[in-house]
Amino acid sequence: MERLVRIVVRFRGGVFSFDSREGREAEDLQRYLAMFPGKEVERIEEQVYDPSHPRRFRYLVREDLMGVIHGAGKD
């Protein structure tokens, strides 16, 4: 069974999140970012459930996905 991953995209002035299947995050990210032309991405994070955290979730920066958007169009 594939694991679902919650990806959080933090833009300057806004936030968007989506669920993706593990291993498809980069492909889904590119598809969703096409809905926000001209928006500057500040950070991409993965939301992780953590029952010990006061708000129950931690946010891990996904440098690999930042590389996908910075590498887009460089071919």
N, C-alpha and C. Protein backbone atom coordinates (compact mmCIF):
# COMPACT_ATOMS: atom_id res chain seq x y z
N MET A 1 0.85 -1.19 0.00
CA MET A 1 0.00 0.00 0.00
C MET A 1 0.88 1.25 0.00
N GLU A 2 0.61 2.15 -0.91
CA GLU A 2 1.40 3.37 -1.01
C GLU A 2 1.04 4.32 0.12
N ARG A 3 2.05 5.00 0.62
CA ARG A 3 1.85 5.96 1.69
C ARG A 3 1.51 7.32 1.09
N LEU A 4 0.54 8.00 1.70
CA LEU A 4 0.21 9.36 1.30
C LEU A 4 1.13 10.33 2.04
N VAL A 5 1.54 11.36 1.35
CA VAL A 5 2.43 12.37 1.90
C VAL A 5 1.73 13.72 1.74
N ARG A 6 1.69 14.51 2.81
CA ARG A 6 1.11 15.86 2.73
C ARG A 6 2.25 16.84 2.46
N ILE A 7 2.19 17.53 1.33
CA ILE A 7 3.19 18.51 0.95
C ILE A 7 2.61 19.90 1.17
N VAL A 8 3.38 20.78 1.81
CA VAL A 8 2.97 22.15 2.09
C VAL A 8 3.90 23.07 1.33
N VAL A 9 3.32 23.92 0.48
CA VAL A 9 4.09 24.89 -0.29
C VAL A 9 3.83 26.26 0.31
N ARG A 10 4.90 26.90 0.77
CA ARG A 10 4.77 28.23 1.36
C ARG A 10 5.24 29.26 0.33
N PHE A 11 4.29 30.07 -0.10
CA PHE A 11 4.56 31.15 -1.02
C PHE A 11 4.75 32.43 -0.22
N ARG A 12 5.31 33.42 -0.85
CA ARG A 12 5.33 34.75 -0.25
C ARG A 12 3.88 35.21 -0.21
N GLY A 13 3.31 35.30 1.00
CA GLY A 13 1.93 35.76 1.13
C GLY A 13 0.87 34.67 1.07
N GLY A 14 1.24 33.40 1.16
CA GLY A 14 0.21 32.36 1.12
C GLY A 14 0.77 30.96 1.29
N VAL A 15 -0.14 30.02 1.46
CA VAL A 15 0.22 28.61 1.66
C VAL A 15 -0.75 27.75 0.84
N PHE A 16 -0.22 26.68 0.26
CA PHE A 16 -1.03 25.70 -0.46
C PHE A 16 -0.52 24.33 -0.05
N SER A 17 -1.42 23.37 0.15
CA SER A 17 -0.98 22.02 0.48
C SER A 17 -1.76 21.01 -0.36
N PHE A 18 -1.13 19.86 -0.55
CA PHE A 18 -1.78 18.79 -1.31
C PHE A 18 -1.25 17.45 -0.84
N ASP A 19 -2.03 16.41 -1.09
CA ASP A 19 -1.61 15.04 -0.78
C ASP A 19 -1.04 14.41 -2.04
N SER A 20 0.00 13.62 -1.85
CA SER A 20 0.66 12.96 -2.97
C SER A 20 1.02 11.54 -2.54
N ARG A 21 1.14 10.66 -3.49
CA ARG A 21 1.64 9.31 -3.21
C ARG A 21 3.15 9.38 -3.06
N GLU A 22 3.68 8.64 -2.11
CA GLU A 22 5.12 8.62 -1.91
C GLU A 22 5.82 8.22 -3.21
N GLY A 23 6.82 8.99 -3.60
CA GLY A 23 7.54 8.75 -4.83
C GLY A 23 7.04 9.58 -6.00
N ARG A 24 5.88 10.18 -5.87
CA ARG A 24 5.31 11.01 -6.94
C ARG A 24 5.30 12.49 -6.59
N GLU A 25 5.94 12.85 -5.47
CA GLU A 25 5.86 14.22 -4.97
C GLU A 25 6.35 15.25 -5.99
N ALA A 26 7.48 14.97 -6.64
CA ALA A 26 8.04 15.93 -7.59
C ALA A 26 7.11 16.15 -8.78
N GLU A 27 6.58 15.07 -9.31
CA GLU A 27 5.67 15.15 -10.46
C GLU A 27 4.40 15.93 -10.08
N ASP A 28 3.83 15.61 -8.92
CA ASP A 28 2.62 16.31 -8.48
C ASP A 28 2.90 17.77 -8.17
N LEU A 29 4.06 18.05 -7.59
CA LEU A 29 4.42 19.43 -7.27
C LEU A 29 4.46 20.28 -8.54
N GLN A 30 5.09 19.78 -9.57
CA GLN A 30 5.16 20.54 -10.82
C GLN A 30 3.77 20.79 -11.39
N ARG A 31 2.90 19.80 -11.31
CA ARG A 31 1.54 19.96 -11.82
C ARG A 31 0.78 21.01 -11.03
N TYR A 32 0.87 20.97 -9.70
CA TYR A 32 0.15 21.94 -8.87
C TYR A 32 0.72 23.35 -9.00
N LEU A 33 2.04 23.47 -9.10
CA LEU A 33 2.63 24.81 -9.21
C LEU A 33 2.21 25.52 -10.49
N ALA A 34 1.83 24.74 -11.49
CA ALA A 34 1.35 25.35 -12.74
C ALA A 34 0.07 26.16 -12.50
N MET A 35 -0.62 25.90 -11.40
CA MET A 35 -1.85 26.65 -11.07
C MET A 35 -1.53 27.99 -10.43
N PHE A 36 -0.26 28.25 -10.13
CA PHE A 36 0.14 29.48 -9.44
C PHE A 36 1.25 30.19 -10.21
N PRO A 37 0.99 30.59 -11.46
CA PRO A 37 2.05 31.24 -12.23
C PRO A 37 2.45 32.56 -11.58
N GLY A 38 3.76 32.79 -11.54
CA GLY A 38 4.27 34.04 -11.00
C GLY A 38 4.42 34.08 -9.49
N LYS A 39 3.93 33.05 -8.78
CA LYS A 39 4.07 33.01 -7.33
C LYS A 39 5.48 32.55 -6.97
N GLU A 40 6.08 33.21 -6.00
CA GLU A 40 7.42 32.85 -5.56
C GLU A 40 7.34 31.86 -4.40
N VAL A 41 7.93 30.69 -4.59
CA VAL A 41 7.95 29.66 -3.55
C VAL A 41 9.06 29.99 -2.57
N GLU A 42 8.71 30.10 -1.28
CA GLU A 42 9.71 30.34 -0.26
C GLU A 42 10.25 29.05 0.33
N ARG A 43 9.36 28.07 0.50
CA ARG A 43 9.77 26.82 1.15
C ARG A 43 8.76 25.73 0.82
N ILE A 44 9.26 24.50 0.72
CA ILE A 44 8.41 23.33 0.54
C ILE A 44 8.68 22.39 1.71
N GLU A 45 7.61 21.95 2.34
CA GLU A 45 7.73 21.12 3.52
C GLU A 45 6.84 19.88 3.42
N GLU A 46 7.18 18.88 4.21
CA GLU A 46 6.32 17.71 4.37
C GLU A 46 5.73 17.77 5.77
N GLN A 47 4.41 17.63 5.85
CA GLN A 47 3.73 17.63 7.13
C GLN A 47 3.76 16.20 7.69
N VAL A 48 4.29 16.05 8.91
CA VAL A 48 4.45 14.73 9.51
C VAL A 48 3.70 14.70 10.83
N TYR A 49 2.87 13.68 11.02
CA TYR A 49 2.13 13.52 12.27
C TYR A 49 3.09 13.16 13.39
N ASP A 50 2.99 13.86 14.52
CA ASP A 50 3.85 13.61 15.68
C ASP A 50 3.00 13.83 16.94
N PRO A 51 2.49 12.73 17.54
CA PRO A 51 1.60 12.88 18.70
C PRO A 51 2.26 13.56 19.90
N SER A 52 3.60 13.60 19.95
CA SER A 52 4.28 14.25 21.06
C SER A 52 4.40 15.76 20.88
N HIS A 53 4.15 16.23 19.68
CA HIS A 53 4.25 17.68 19.40
C HIS A 53 2.97 18.36 19.88
N PRO A 54 3.06 19.56 20.48
CA PRO A 54 1.86 20.25 20.99
C PRO A 54 0.76 20.45 19.94
N ARG A 55 1.15 20.65 18.69
CA ARG A 55 0.14 20.83 17.63
C ARG A 55 -0.05 19.58 16.78
N ARG A 56 0.57 18.49 17.19
CA ARG A 56 0.46 17.17 16.56
C ARG A 56 1.13 17.01 15.21
N PHE A 57 1.65 18.09 14.65
CA PHE A 57 2.34 17.99 13.36
C PHE A 57 3.68 18.70 13.41
N ARG A 58 4.63 18.13 12.69
CA ARG A 58 5.92 18.78 12.46
C ARG A 58 6.01 19.02 10.96
N TYR A 59 6.83 19.99 10.60
CA TYR A 59 7.02 20.32 9.19
C TYR A 59 8.49 20.18 8.85
N LEU A 60 8.79 19.25 7.94
CA LEU A 60 10.17 18.98 7.54
C LEU A 60 10.43 19.61 6.18
N VAL A 61 11.47 20.41 6.09
CA VAL A 61 11.81 21.05 4.82
C VAL A 61 12.23 19.98 3.82
N ARG A 62 11.70 20.06 2.61
CA ARG A 62 12.00 19.10 1.54
C ARG A 62 12.93 19.76 0.53
N GLU A 63 14.23 19.70 0.82
CA GLU A 63 15.23 20.29 -0.07
C GLU A 63 15.20 19.65 -1.46
N ASP A 64 14.87 18.35 -1.51
CA ASP A 64 14.81 17.66 -2.79
C ASP A 64 13.75 18.29 -3.70
N LEU A 65 12.62 18.69 -3.13
CA LEU A 65 11.57 19.30 -3.94
C LEU A 65 11.90 20.74 -4.29
N MET A 66 12.63 21.43 -3.42
CA MET A 66 13.09 22.78 -3.78
C MET A 66 14.02 22.68 -5.00
N GLY A 67 14.84 21.64 -5.03
CA GLY A 67 15.72 21.43 -6.18
C GLY A 67 14.95 21.18 -7.46
N VAL A 68 13.80 20.54 -7.36
CA VAL A 68 12.96 20.29 -8.54
C VAL A 68 12.49 21.60 -9.14
N ILE A 69 12.03 22.52 -8.30
CA ILE A 69 11.51 23.78 -8.87
C ILE A 69 12.63 24.69 -9.32
N HIS A 70 13.78 24.65 -8.64
CA HIS A 70 14.90 25.49 -9.07
C HIS A 70 15.58 24.92 -10.31
N GLY A 71 15.47 23.60 -10.49
CA GLY A 71 16.07 22.96 -11.65
C GLY A 71 15.16 22.93 -12.86
N ALA A 72 13.87 23.29 -12.67
CA ALA A 72 12.91 23.25 -13.77
C ALA A 72 13.31 24.26 -14.83
N GLY A 73 13.32 23.81 -16.06
CA GLY A 73 13.59 24.70 -17.18
C GLY A 73 15.06 24.95 -17.43
N LYS A 74 15.95 24.19 -16.79
CA LYS A 74 17.39 24.40 -16.99
C LYS A 74 17.97 23.46 -18.02
N ASP A 75 17.14 22.65 -18.65
CA ASP A 75 17.65 21.69 -19.66
C ASP A 75 17.85 22.36 -20.99
